[in-house]
Amino acid sequence: RYRNKAIYQFAEIGGRLTAGFYARHSHRVVPCGDCPLHPEAFGKILKKVIYHAEKQNVSAYDEQTGKGVLRRLYLRSTAAGDVMLCVVCSKPTPQVKQLCASMLGFERTVSCYINVCNKPGNAVLSDKMLHIAGVAKLEDVLCGKRFLLSPASFYQVNHDGAELLYSTVRSLAGEAESILDMYCGTGTIGICCASGGTSLTGFDVNADATDDARLNAGANGLDNALFICADAEEFAKKHDTKSAFDVVIMDPPRKGSTPEVVGLACRCAKEKIVYVSCDPATLARDCALFIKLGWRIDRSVPVDMFPRTANIETVVSLVRATPDIRRAF
């Protein structure tokens, strides 16, 4: 029951609407109601959504023909049990809007959205998000800090694991007067590591996420925080990045970082970089780049964020190498 997010895929099997998850390395939907990794409320919400959809003759989207309406049900919950519901569909029909609105209040659903995704491909959400009912953002508490979350904003799927992960980052980062949070998302890591007097800067390419990050900084009394919607290249062009921050924190997606962003991190950091990774292979690749640029691995700490799976999260702290160590490489 540790996962706070689920993305169910709709399909029609044997003439009936159903939902579940893709079989590995395929788009074949395996029906799933209550999954032991998810809160019990998720299975109940899914069952009711299917019931209302069948009652109103709302069909599942067919990837092969491009026909049908329902694509996915995206659910997110807080540690307190509040739920955000998002119905991903090919078109926002009156039936889908009515279905979505009817879920408000059921199993502590406090926020209802429709996401209109009518293009083929694997993208879970499109940019077209419609707020249907309830509050616009979820509020969660993590490491004693308050966080507001939009549907598309990244948030760790394991709340208690995230507290352990961010505590590890904070421990490796140490006391810092200035922090740069790369791939900052909603600002969770930087805000959890910052104190009232810390100068915190973050950037991310997701505008919804950086909007949330600004709100989150304000909600936690961080007056000296700046969050920018930009990629690394844009950030580098607009800001003086030469040894400007005590600590640089990086939490890239599974594909890892890029040589350009690694180079930017090296230019920005005075003495320490803390890299958070959910893929050991891309972590090893990127650490090799850091070593070539004159840095060395100081500590590496694994965190089991995804129990019952083969995945592992790793936090690595890097420091500037001494001349003797640099010559060795």
C-alpha atoms as a PDB file:
ATOM      1  CA  ARG A   1       0.000   0.000   0.000  1.00  0.00           C
ATOM      2  CA  TYR A   2       2.976   2.361  -0.308  1.00  0.00           C
ATOM      3  CA  ARG A   3       2.368   3.761  -3.797  1.00  0.00           C
ATOM      4  CA  ASN A   4       0.542   7.098  -3.880  1.00  0.00           C
ATOM      5  CA  LYS A   5       0.062   7.116  -7.667  1.00  0.00           C
ATOM      6  CA  ALA A   6      -1.526   4.755 -10.187  1.00  0.00           C
ATOM      7  CA  ILE A   7      -2.148   4.984 -13.931  1.00  0.00           C
ATOM      8  CA  TYR A   8      -4.746   2.482 -15.118  1.00  0.00           C
ATOM      9  CA  GLN A   9      -5.168   1.794 -18.839  1.00  0.00           C
ATOM     10  CA  PHE A  10      -8.717   1.361 -20.153  1.00  0.00           C
ATOM     11  CA  ALA A  11      -9.571  -1.390 -22.638  1.00  0.00           C
ATOM     12  CA  GLU A  12     -12.530  -3.390 -23.887  1.00  0.00           C
ATOM     13  CA  ILE A  13     -12.076  -7.121 -23.320  1.00  0.00           C
ATOM     14  CA  GLY A  14     -14.819  -9.566 -24.261  1.00  0.00           C
ATOM     15  CA  GLY A  15     -17.163  -6.687 -25.020  1.00  0.00           C
ATOM     16  CA  ARG A  16     -16.821  -5.190 -21.516  1.00  0.00           C
ATOM     17  CA  LEU A  17     -15.041  -2.072 -20.357  1.00  0.00           C
ATOM     18  CA  THR A  18     -12.139  -2.886 -18.048  1.00  0.00           C
ATOM     19  CA  ALA A  19      -8.892  -1.323 -16.834  1.00  0.00           C
ATOM     20  CA  GLY A  20      -5.527  -2.423 -15.582  1.00  0.00           C
ATOM     21  CA  PHE A  21      -1.850  -2.276 -16.464  1.00  0.00           C
ATOM     22  CA  TYR A  22       0.181  -3.097 -19.548  1.00  0.00           C
ATOM     23  CA  ALA A  23       1.855  -6.477 -19.662  1.00  0.00           C
ATOM     24  CA  ARG A  24       5.636  -6.056 -19.725  1.00  0.00           C
ATOM     25  CA  HIS A  25       7.051  -4.757 -23.025  1.00  0.00           C
ATOM     26  CA  SER A  26       3.577  -4.539 -24.593  1.00  0.00           C
ATOM     27  CA  HIS A  27       0.363  -2.542 -24.812  1.00  0.00           C
ATOM     28  CA  ARG A  28      -1.756  -5.536 -23.856  1.00  0.00           C
ATOM     29  CA  VAL A  29      -3.902  -4.550 -20.886  1.00  0.00           C
ATOM     30  CA  VAL A  30      -3.988  -6.980 -17.963  1.00  0.00           C
ATOM     31  CA  PRO A  31      -7.130  -6.252 -15.887  1.00  0.00           C
ATOM     32  CA  CYS A  32      -6.374  -5.270 -12.290  1.00  0.00           C
ATOM     33  CA  GLY A  33      -8.773  -4.097  -9.602  1.00  0.00           C
ATOM     34  CA  ASP A  34      -7.171  -3.911  -6.183  1.00  0.00           C
ATOM     35  CA  CYS A  35      -3.365  -3.920  -6.343  1.00  0.00           C
ATOM     36  CA  PRO A  36      -1.644  -4.466  -2.945  1.00  0.00           C
ATOM     37  CA  LEU A  37       0.913  -1.747  -3.795  1.00  0.00           C
ATOM     38  CA  HIS A  38      -1.846   0.916  -3.968  1.00  0.00           C
ATOM     39  CA  PRO A  39      -4.206   2.365  -1.364  1.00  0.00           C
ATOM     40  CA  GLU A  40      -7.428   0.369  -1.111  1.00  0.00           C
ATOM     41  CA  ALA A  41      -9.355   3.461  -2.192  1.00  0.00           C
ATOM     42  CA  PHE A  42      -7.819   3.292  -5.686  1.00  0.00           C
ATOM     43  CA  GLY A  43      -9.456  -0.036  -6.522  1.00  0.00           C
ATOM     44  CA  LYS A  44     -12.829   1.206  -5.272  1.00  0.00           C
ATOM     45  CA  ILE A  45     -12.560   4.419  -7.306  1.00  0.00           C
ATOM     46  CA  LEU A  46     -11.605   2.487 -10.439  1.00  0.00           C
ATOM     47  CA  LYS A  47     -14.590   0.145 -10.018  1.00  0.00           C
ATOM     48  CA  LYS A  48     -17.006   3.069  -9.680  1.00  0.00           C
ATOM     49  CA  VAL A  49     -15.547   4.895 -12.688  1.00  0.00           C
ATOM     50  CA  ILE A  50     -16.017   1.771 -14.838  1.00  0.00           C
ATOM     51  CA  TYR A  51     -19.584   1.383 -13.514  1.00  0.00           C
ATOM     52  CA  HIS A  52     -20.526   4.970 -14.453  1.00  0.00           C
ATOM     53  CA  ALA A  53     -18.769   4.748 -17.825  1.00  0.00           C
ATOM     54  CA  GLU A  54     -20.651   1.567 -18.782  1.00  0.00           C
ATOM     55  CA  LYS A  55     -23.927   3.069 -17.591  1.00  0.00           C
ATOM     56  CA  GLN A  56     -23.381   6.062 -19.904  1.00  0.00           C
ATOM     57  CA  ASN A  57     -21.980   3.979 -22.803  1.00  0.00           C
ATOM     58  CA  VAL A  58     -18.559   5.648 -22.714  1.00  0.00           C
ATOM     59  CA  SER A  59     -16.175   3.412 -24.643  1.00  0.00           C
ATOM     60  CA  ALA A  60     -12.475   2.710 -24.221  1.00  0.00           C
ATOM     61  CA  TYR A  61     -10.028   4.279 -26.663  1.00  0.00           C
ATOM     62  CA  ASP A  62      -8.594   1.897 -29.265  1.00  0.00           C
ATOM     63  CA  GLU A  63      -4.972   2.675 -30.192  1.00  0.00           C
ATOM     64  CA  GLN A  64      -5.244   0.799 -33.487  1.00  0.00           C
ATOM     65  CA  THR A  65      -8.370   2.535 -34.841  1.00  0.00           C
ATOM     66  CA  GLY A  66      -8.175   5.831 -32.949  1.00  0.00           C
ATOM     67  CA  LYS A  67     -11.828   5.397 -31.937  1.00  0.00           C
ATOM     68  CA  GLY A  68     -13.289   5.487 -28.450  1.00  0.00           C
ATOM     69  CA  VAL A  69     -12.969   7.900 -25.552  1.00  0.00           C
ATOM     70  CA  LEU A  70     -11.437   6.625 -22.284  1.00  0.00           C
ATOM     71  CA  ARG A  71      -7.660   6.178 -22.303  1.00  0.00           C
ATOM     72  CA  ARG A  72      -6.443   6.210 -18.691  1.00  0.00           C
ATOM     73  CA  LEU A  73      -7.432   6.819 -15.103  1.00  0.00           C
ATOM     74  CA  TYR A  74      -4.692   8.655 -13.215  1.00  0.00           C
ATOM     75  CA  LEU A  75      -4.965   8.712  -9.406  1.00  0.00           C
ATOM     76  CA  ARG A  76      -2.753  10.408  -6.843  1.00  0.00           C
ATOM     77  CA  SER A  77      -3.144  10.401  -3.041  1.00  0.00           C
ATOM     78  CA  THR A  78      -1.626  12.175  -0.063  1.00  0.00           C
ATOM     79  CA  ALA A  79      -0.335  10.683   3.180  1.00  0.00           C
ATOM     80  CA  ALA A  80      -3.585  11.818   4.812  1.00  0.00           C
ATOM     81  CA  GLY A  81      -5.649   9.897   2.229  1.00  0.00           C
ATOM     82  CA  ASP A  82      -6.994  12.699   0.002  1.00  0.00           C
ATOM     83  CA  VAL A  83      -7.203  11.689  -3.667  1.00  0.00           C
ATOM     84  CA  MET A  84      -6.804  13.568  -6.956  1.00  0.00           C
ATOM     85  CA  LEU A  85      -8.572  11.931  -9.912  1.00  0.00           C
ATOM     86  CA  CYS A  86      -7.773  12.606 -13.563  1.00  0.00           C
ATOM     87  CA  VAL A  87      -9.635  10.951 -16.435  1.00  0.00           C
ATOM     88  CA  VAL A  88      -7.486  10.901 -19.585  1.00  0.00           C
ATOM     89  CA  CYS A  89      -9.678  10.808 -22.695  1.00  0.00           C
ATOM     90  CA  SER A  90      -9.589  11.496 -26.427  1.00  0.00           C
ATOM     91  CA  LYS A  91     -12.360  14.116 -26.134  1.00  0.00           C
ATOM     92  CA  PRO A  92     -14.108  15.764 -23.153  1.00  0.00           C
ATOM     93  CA  THR A  93     -17.659  14.639 -23.885  1.00  0.00           C
ATOM     94  CA  PRO A  94     -20.542  15.702 -21.601  1.00  0.00           C
ATOM     95  CA  GLN A  95     -20.706  12.105 -20.357  1.00  0.00           C
ATOM     96  CA  VAL A  96     -17.033  12.138 -19.332  1.00  0.00           C
ATOM     97  CA  LYS A  97     -17.430  15.493 -17.583  1.00  0.00           C
ATOM     98  CA  GLN A  98     -20.470  14.196 -15.699  1.00  0.00           C
ATOM     99  CA  LEU A  99     -18.627  10.980 -14.789  1.00  0.00           C
ATOM    100  CA  CYS A 100     -15.641  12.944 -13.520  1.00  0.00           C
ATOM    101  CA  ALA A 101     -17.718  15.385 -11.456  1.00  0.00           C
ATOM    102  CA  SER A 102     -19.735  12.544  -9.907  1.00  0.00           C
ATOM    103  CA  MET A 103     -16.579  11.128  -8.307  1.00  0.00           C
ATOM    104  CA  LEU A 104     -16.028  14.161  -6.052  1.00  0.00           C
ATOM    105  CA  GLY A 105     -16.289  13.077  -2.432  1.00  0.00           C
ATOM    106  CA  PHE A 106     -16.137   9.349  -3.154  1.00  0.00           C
ATOM    107  CA  GLU A 107     -13.346   7.641  -1.142  1.00  0.00           C
ATOM    108  CA  ARG A 108     -12.001  11.093  -0.196  1.00  0.00           C
ATOM    109  CA  THR A 109     -11.630  12.264  -3.798  1.00  0.00           C
ATOM    110  CA  VAL A 110     -11.090  16.019  -3.352  1.00  0.00           C
ATOM    111  CA  SER A 111      -9.958  17.036  -6.854  1.00  0.00           C
ATOM    112  CA  CYS A 112     -11.258  15.988 -10.292  1.00  0.00           C
ATOM    113  CA  TYR A 113      -9.639  16.686 -13.663  1.00  0.00           C
ATOM    114  CA  ILE A 114      -9.978  15.694 -17.300  1.00  0.00           C
ATOM    115  CA  ASN A 115      -6.895  15.484 -19.501  1.00  0.00           C
ATOM    116  CA  VAL A 116      -7.545  15.590 -23.231  1.00  0.00           C
ATOM    117  CA  CYS A 117      -5.024  13.371 -25.025  1.00  0.00           C
ATOM    118  CA  ASN A 118      -6.026  12.672 -28.625  1.00  0.00           C
ATOM    119  CA  LYS A 119      -2.655  11.942 -30.208  1.00  0.00           C
ATOM    120  CA  PRO A 120      -1.096   8.485 -30.597  1.00  0.00           C
ATOM    121  CA  GLY A 121       1.967   7.663 -28.521  1.00  0.00           C
ATOM    122  CA  ASN A 122       3.041   6.749 -25.010  1.00  0.00           C
ATOM    123  CA  ALA A 123       2.696  10.141 -23.330  1.00  0.00           C
ATOM    124  CA  VAL A 124       0.539   9.666 -20.222  1.00  0.00           C
ATOM    125  CA  LEU A 125      -0.773  13.245 -20.188  1.00  0.00           C
ATOM    126  CA  SER A 126      -1.120  16.051 -22.710  1.00  0.00           C
ATOM    127  CA  ASP A 127      -0.872  19.765 -21.990  1.00  0.00           C
ATOM    128  CA  LYS A 128      -4.675  20.166 -22.098  1.00  0.00           C
ATOM    129  CA  MET A 129      -5.833  19.812 -18.489  1.00  0.00           C
ATOM    130  CA  LEU A 130      -9.416  20.709 -17.477  1.00  0.00           C
ATOM    131  CA  HIS A 131     -10.280  21.253 -13.814  1.00  0.00           C
ATOM    132  CA  ILE A 132     -13.771  19.816 -13.298  1.00  0.00           C
ATOM    133  CA  ALA A 133     -14.492  19.815  -9.560  1.00  0.00           C
ATOM    134  CA  GLY A 134     -12.976  20.135  -6.099  1.00  0.00           C
ATOM    135  CA  VAL A 135      -9.698  21.776  -5.155  1.00  0.00           C
ATOM    136  CA  ALA A 136      -7.192  22.653  -7.872  1.00  0.00           C
ATOM    137  CA  LYS A 137      -4.178  21.218  -6.012  1.00  0.00           C
ATOM    138  CA  LEU A 138      -3.500  18.463  -3.508  1.00  0.00           C
ATOM    139  CA  GLU A 139      -1.628  19.360  -0.332  1.00  0.00           C
ATOM    140  CA  ASP A 140       0.782  16.886   1.251  1.00  0.00           C
ATOM    141  CA  VAL A 141       3.298  17.073   4.110  1.00  0.00           C
ATOM    142  CA  LEU A 142       6.801  15.717   3.521  1.00  0.00           C
ATOM    143  CA  CYS A 143       9.737  16.021   5.952  1.00  0.00           C
ATOM    144  CA  GLY A 144       7.616  18.488   7.922  1.00  0.00           C
ATOM    145  CA  LYS A 145       7.192  20.763   4.873  1.00  0.00           C
ATOM    146  CA  ARG A 146       3.920  21.543   3.043  1.00  0.00           C
ATOM    147  CA  PHE A 147       3.660  20.848  -0.684  1.00  0.00           C
ATOM    148  CA  LEU A 148       0.963  21.744  -3.212  1.00  0.00           C
ATOM    149  CA  LEU A 149       0.667  19.410  -6.201  1.00  0.00           C
ATOM    150  CA  SER A 150      -0.821  19.861  -9.671  1.00  0.00           C
ATOM    151  CA  PRO A 151      -1.833  16.758 -11.682  1.00  0.00           C
ATOM    152  CA  ALA A 152       1.176  16.856 -14.027  1.00  0.00           C
ATOM    153  CA  SER A 153       3.785  17.751 -11.411  1.00  0.00           C
ATOM    154  CA  PHE A 154       6.352  15.099 -10.461  1.00  0.00           C
ATOM    155  CA  TYR A 155       6.115  13.730  -6.929  1.00  0.00           C
ATOM    156  CA  GLN A 156       7.753  10.673  -5.405  1.00  0.00           C
ATOM    157  CA  VAL A 157       5.345   7.701  -5.388  1.00  0.00           C
ATOM    158  CA  ASN A 158       6.449   6.419  -1.952  1.00  0.00           C
ATOM    159  CA  HIS A 159       5.794   9.043   0.740  1.00  0.00           C
ATOM    160  CA  ASP A 160       7.694   7.393   3.602  1.00  0.00           C
ATOM    161  CA  GLY A 161      10.474   6.341   1.247  1.00  0.00           C
ATOM    162  CA  ALA A 162      10.710   9.921  -0.023  1.00  0.00           C
ATOM    163  CA  GLU A 163      11.202  11.184   3.526  1.00  0.00           C
ATOM    164  CA  LEU A 164      14.084   8.734   3.944  1.00  0.00           C
ATOM    165  CA  LEU A 165      15.493   9.677   0.519  1.00  0.00           C
ATOM    166  CA  TYR A 166      15.344  13.427   1.119  1.00  0.00           C
ATOM    167  CA  SER A 167      16.771  13.065   4.617  1.00  0.00           C
ATOM    168  CA  THR A 168      19.700  11.235   3.028  1.00  0.00           C
ATOM    169  CA  VAL A 169      20.148  14.049   0.475  1.00  0.00           C
ATOM    170  CA  ARG A 170      20.026  16.636   3.253  1.00  0.00           C
ATOM    171  CA  SER A 171      22.609  14.712   5.279  1.00  0.00           C
ATOM    172  CA  LEU A 172      25.017  14.427   2.325  1.00  0.00           C
ATOM    173  CA  ALA A 173      24.477  18.051   1.271  1.00  0.00           C
ATOM    174  CA  GLY A 174      25.258  19.370   4.754  1.00  0.00           C
ATOM    175  CA  GLU A 175      24.718  22.979   5.809  1.00  0.00           C
ATOM    176  CA  ALA A 176      24.619  25.249   2.778  1.00  0.00           C
ATOM    177  CA  GLU A 177      23.990  28.953   2.379  1.00  0.00           C
ATOM    178  CA  SER A 178      23.146  28.519  -1.304  1.00  0.00           C
ATOM    179  CA  ILE A 179      21.581  25.558  -3.162  1.00  0.00           C
ATOM    180  CA  LEU A 180      20.889  24.943  -6.847  1.00  0.00           C
ATOM    181  CA  ASP A 181      18.137  22.370  -7.413  1.00  0.00           C
ATOM    182  CA  MET A 182      18.387  21.008 -10.983  1.00  0.00           C
ATOM    183  CA  TYR A 183      15.350  19.147 -12.370  1.00  0.00           C
ATOM    184  CA  CYS A 184      13.600  20.742  -9.384  1.00  0.00           C
ATOM    185  CA  GLY A 185      10.020  19.689 -10.196  1.00  0.00           C
ATOM    186  CA  THR A 186       7.756  21.053  -7.450  1.00  0.00           C
ATOM    187  CA  GLY A 187      10.835  22.008  -5.424  1.00  0.00           C
ATOM    188  CA  THR A 188      10.547  19.149  -2.938  1.00  0.00           C
ATOM    189  CA  ILE A 189      14.224  18.237  -2.542  1.00  0.00           C
ATOM    190  CA  GLY A 190      15.552  21.785  -2.406  1.00  0.00           C
ATOM    191  CA  ILE A 191      12.859  22.928   0.012  1.00  0.00           C
ATOM    192  CA  CYS A 192      13.418  19.900   2.284  1.00  0.00           C
ATOM    193  CA  CYS A 193      17.151  20.699   2.351  1.00  0.00           C
ATOM    194  CA  ALA A 194      16.790  24.457   2.852  1.00  0.00           C
ATOM    195  CA  SER A 195      16.498  26.391   6.091  1.00  0.00           C
ATOM    196  CA  GLY A 196      14.957  29.822   6.524  1.00  0.00           C
ATOM    197  CA  GLY A 197      18.114  31.690   5.525  1.00  0.00           C
ATOM    198  CA  THR A 198      19.127  29.489   2.594  1.00  0.00           C
ATOM    199  CA  SER A 199      19.310  30.984  -0.885  1.00  0.00           C
ATOM    200  CA  LEU A 200      17.515  28.385  -3.039  1.00  0.00           C
ATOM    201  CA  THR A 201      17.424  28.387  -6.847  1.00  0.00           C
ATOM    202  CA  GLY A 202      15.765  25.731  -8.976  1.00  0.00           C
ATOM    203  CA  PHE A 203      14.919  25.138 -12.596  1.00  0.00           C
ATOM    204  CA  ASP A 204      12.747  22.672 -14.490  1.00  0.00           C
ATOM    205  CA  VAL A 205      11.216  22.510 -17.978  1.00  0.00           C
ATOM    206  CA  ASN A 206       7.697  21.833 -16.608  1.00  0.00           C
ATOM    207  CA  ALA A 207       5.873  25.146 -16.079  1.00  0.00           C
ATOM    208  CA  ASP A 208       3.190  23.609 -13.809  1.00  0.00           C
ATOM    209  CA  ALA A 209       5.912  22.162 -11.604  1.00  0.00           C
ATOM    210  CA  THR A 210       7.832  25.425 -11.216  1.00  0.00           C
ATOM    211  CA  ASP A 211       4.565  27.264 -10.502  1.00  0.00           C
ATOM    212  CA  ASP A 212       3.943  24.760  -7.706  1.00  0.00           C
ATOM    213  CA  ALA A 213       7.541  25.156  -6.502  1.00  0.00           C
ATOM    214  CA  ARG A 214       7.054  28.908  -6.047  1.00  0.00           C
ATOM    215  CA  LEU A 215       3.876  28.316  -4.049  1.00  0.00           C
ATOM    216  CA  ASN A 216       5.611  25.642  -1.990  1.00  0.00           C
ATOM    217  CA  ALA A 217       8.533  27.909  -1.156  1.00  0.00           C
ATOM    218  CA  GLY A 218       6.111  30.579   0.050  1.00  0.00           C
ATOM    219  CA  ALA A 219       4.065  28.061   2.048  1.00  0.00           C
ATOM    220  CA  ASN A 220       7.237  27.031   3.887  1.00  0.00           C
ATOM    221  CA  GLY A 221       8.513  30.523   4.611  1.00  0.00           C
ATOM    222  CA  LEU A 222      11.453  30.435   2.180  1.00  0.00           C
ATOM    223  CA  ASP A 223      11.679  34.068   1.128  1.00  0.00           C
ATOM    224  CA  ASN A 224      15.011  33.708  -0.674  1.00  0.00           C
ATOM    225  CA  ALA A 225      13.888  31.145  -3.261  1.00  0.00           C
ATOM    226  CA  LEU A 226      13.791  31.464  -7.042  1.00  0.00           C
ATOM    227  CA  PHE A 227      12.267  28.838  -9.345  1.00  0.00           C
ATOM    228  CA  ILE A 228      12.640  29.160 -13.107  1.00  0.00           C
ATOM    229  CA  CYS A 229      10.890  27.361 -15.951  1.00  0.00           C
ATOM    230  CA  ALA A 230      13.824  26.632 -18.257  1.00  0.00           C
ATOM    231  CA  ASP A 231      16.075  23.869 -19.483  1.00  0.00           C
ATOM    232  CA  ALA A 232      19.734  23.764 -18.517  1.00  0.00           C
ATOM    233  CA  GLU A 233      20.903  25.643 -21.614  1.00  0.00           C
ATOM    234  CA  GLU A 234      18.434  28.482 -21.041  1.00  0.00           C
ATOM    235  CA  PHE A 235      19.385  28.684 -17.372  1.00  0.00           C
ATOM    236  CA  ALA A 236      23.089  28.823 -18.212  1.00  0.00           C
ATOM    237  CA  LYS A 237      22.563  31.696 -20.666  1.00  0.00           C
ATOM    238  CA  LYS A 238      20.617  33.830 -18.177  1.00  0.00           C
ATOM    239  CA  HIS A 239      22.632  33.300 -14.978  1.00  0.00           C
ATOM    240  CA  ASP A 240      26.217  33.610 -13.830  1.00  0.00           C
ATOM    241  CA  THR A 241      26.963  29.967 -13.115  1.00  0.00           C
ATOM    242  CA  LYS A 242      30.656  29.995 -12.203  1.00  0.00           C
ATOM    243  CA  SER A 243      31.003  28.386  -8.728  1.00  0.00           C
ATOM    244  CA  ALA A 244      27.851  30.173  -7.634  1.00  0.00           C
ATOM    245  CA  PHE A 245      26.350  27.593  -5.229  1.00  0.00           C
ATOM    246  CA  ASP A 246      27.573  25.770  -2.139  1.00  0.00           C
ATOM    247  CA  VAL A 247      25.680  22.637  -3.181  1.00  0.00           C
ATOM    248  CA  VAL A 248      24.149  21.524  -6.480  1.00  0.00           C
ATOM    249  CA  ILE A 249      21.399  18.898  -6.240  1.00  0.00           C
ATOM    250  CA  MET A 250      20.402  16.849  -9.297  1.00  0.00           C
ATOM    251  CA  ASP A 251      17.436  14.476  -9.567  1.00  0.00           C
ATOM    252  CA  PRO A 252      17.125  13.670 -13.297  1.00  0.00           C
ATOM    253  CA  PRO A 253      14.579  11.274 -14.849  1.00  0.00           C
ATOM    254  CA  ARG A 254      15.377   7.591 -15.390  1.00  0.00           C
ATOM    255  CA  LYS A 255      17.295   8.348 -18.593  1.00  0.00           C
ATOM    256  CA  GLY A 256      19.788  10.304 -16.520  1.00  0.00           C
ATOM    257  CA  SER A 257      21.369  13.635 -17.292  1.00  0.00           C
ATOM    258  CA  THR A 258      23.317  14.900 -20.325  1.00  0.00           C
ATOM    259  CA  PRO A 259      26.961  15.978 -20.810  1.00  0.00           C
ATOM    260  CA  GLU A 260      25.766  19.580 -21.063  1.00  0.00           C
ATOM    261  CA  VAL A 261      23.879  19.482 -17.743  1.00  0.00           C
ATOM    262  CA  VAL A 262      26.713  17.608 -16.007  1.00  0.00           C
ATOM    263  CA  GLY A 263      29.092  20.299 -17.234  1.00  0.00           C
ATOM    264  CA  LEU A 264      26.751  23.012 -15.954  1.00  0.00           C
ATOM    265  CA  ALA A 265      26.575  21.344 -12.532  1.00  0.00           C
ATOM    266  CA  CYS A 266      30.376  21.263 -12.359  1.00  0.00           C
ATOM    267  CA  ARG A 267      30.584  24.969 -13.195  1.00  0.00           C
ATOM    268  CA  CYS A 268      27.867  25.915 -10.705  1.00  0.00           C
ATOM    269  CA  ALA A 269      29.061  23.979  -7.655  1.00  0.00           C
ATOM    270  CA  LYS A 270      31.726  25.307  -5.328  1.00  0.00           C
ATOM    271  CA  GLU A 271      32.665  22.028  -3.662  1.00  0.00           C
ATOM    272  CA  LYS A 272      29.758  19.552  -3.616  1.00  0.00           C
ATOM    273  CA  ILE A 273      27.211  17.929  -5.936  1.00  0.00           C
ATOM    274  CA  VAL A 274      24.490  15.538  -4.722  1.00  0.00           C
ATOM    275  CA  TYR A 275      23.047  13.338  -7.485  1.00  0.00           C
ATOM    276  CA  VAL A 276      19.808  11.355  -6.981  1.00  0.00           C
ATOM    277  CA  SER A 277      19.242   8.497  -9.434  1.00  0.00           C
ATOM    278  CA  CYS A 278      16.572   5.850 -10.014  1.00  0.00           C
ATOM    279  CA  ASP A 279      18.695   3.935 -12.555  1.00  0.00           C
ATOM    280  CA  PRO A 280      22.143   2.578 -11.605  1.00  0.00           C
ATOM    281  CA  ALA A 281      23.195   2.294 -15.267  1.00  0.00           C
ATOM    282  CA  THR A 282      22.651   5.964 -16.150  1.00  0.00           C
ATOM    283  CA  LEU A 283      24.080   6.942 -12.752  1.00  0.00           C
ATOM    284  CA  ALA A 284      27.320   5.094 -13.544  1.00  0.00           C
ATOM    285  CA  ARG A 285      27.479   6.706 -16.984  1.00  0.00           C
ATOM    286  CA  ASP A 286      27.000  10.218 -15.578  1.00  0.00           C
ATOM    287  CA  CYS A 287      29.442   9.671 -12.700  1.00  0.00           C
ATOM    288  CA  ALA A 288      32.087   8.786 -15.281  1.00  0.00           C
ATOM    289  CA  LEU A 289      31.498  12.231 -16.831  1.00  0.00           C
ATOM    290  CA  PHE A 290      31.899  13.925 -13.453  1.00  0.00           C
ATOM    291  CA  ILE A 291      35.197  12.090 -12.869  1.00  0.00           C
ATOM    292  CA  LYS A 292      36.519  13.255 -16.252  1.00  0.00           C
ATOM    293  CA  LEU A 293      35.637  16.824 -15.255  1.00  0.00           C
ATOM    294  CA  GLY A 294      37.685  16.680 -12.037  1.00  0.00           C
ATOM    295  CA  TRP A 295      35.225  15.364  -9.461  1.00  0.00           C
ATOM    296  CA  ARG A 296      35.238  12.172  -7.366  1.00  0.00           C
ATOM    297  CA  ILE A 297      32.557  10.090  -5.646  1.00  0.00           C
ATOM    298  CA  ASP A 298      32.605  10.726  -1.908  1.00  0.00           C
ATOM    299  CA  ARG A 299      29.675   8.567  -0.757  1.00  0.00           C
ATOM    300  CA  SER A 300      26.971   6.414  -2.353  1.00  0.00           C
ATOM    301  CA  VAL A 301      23.806   5.500  -0.426  1.00  0.00           C
ATOM    302  CA  PRO A 302      21.088   3.164  -1.808  1.00  0.00           C
ATOM    303  CA  VAL A 303      17.452   3.724  -0.769  1.00  0.00           C
ATOM    304  CA  ASP A 304      14.781   1.085  -1.401  1.00  0.00           C
ATOM    305  CA  MET A 305      12.016   3.384  -2.639  1.00  0.00           C
ATOM    306  CA  PHE A 306      10.171   0.645  -4.520  1.00  0.00           C
ATOM    307  CA  PRO A 307       9.720  -2.450  -2.298  1.00  0.00           C
ATOM    308  CA  ARG A 308       8.750  -5.679  -4.108  1.00  0.00           C
ATOM    309  CA  THR A 309      10.436  -4.478  -7.314  1.00  0.00           C
ATOM    310  CA  ALA A 310      13.915  -4.703  -8.838  1.00  0.00           C
ATOM    311  CA  ASN A 311      14.358  -0.916  -8.824  1.00  0.00           C
ATOM    312  CA  ILE A 312      16.600   1.037  -6.464  1.00  0.00           C
ATOM    313  CA  GLU A 313      17.174   4.733  -5.786  1.00  0.00           C
ATOM    314  CA  THR A 314      20.740   5.900  -5.129  1.00  0.00           C
ATOM    315  CA  VAL A 315      22.098   9.124  -3.656  1.00  0.00           C
ATOM    316  CA  VAL A 316      25.683   9.985  -4.569  1.00  0.00           C
ATOM    317  CA  SER A 317      27.711  12.881  -3.218  1.00  0.00           C
ATOM    318  CA  LEU A 318      30.580  14.162  -5.365  1.00  0.00           C
ATOM    319  CA  VAL A 319      33.390  16.495  -4.336  1.00  0.00           C
ATOM    320  CA  ARG A 320      36.191  18.159  -6.242  1.00  0.00           C
ATOM    321  CA  ALA A 321      39.113  15.784  -6.731  1.00  0.00           C
ATOM    322  CA  THR A 322      42.605  16.626  -5.542  1.00  0.00           C
ATOM    323  CA  PRO A 323      45.302  17.060  -8.253  1.00  0.00           C
ATOM    324  CA  ASP A 324      46.757  13.591  -7.443  1.00  0.00           C
ATOM    325  CA  ILE A 325      43.407  11.897  -7.989  1.00  0.00           C
ATOM    326  CA  ARG A 326      42.769  13.880 -11.184  1.00  0.00           C
ATOM    327  CA  ARG A 327      46.063  12.668 -12.668  1.00  0.00           C
ATOM    328  CA  ALA A 328      44.993   9.072 -12.012  1.00  0.00           C
ATOM    329  CA  PHE A 329      42.134   9.548 -14.469  1.00  0.00           C
END
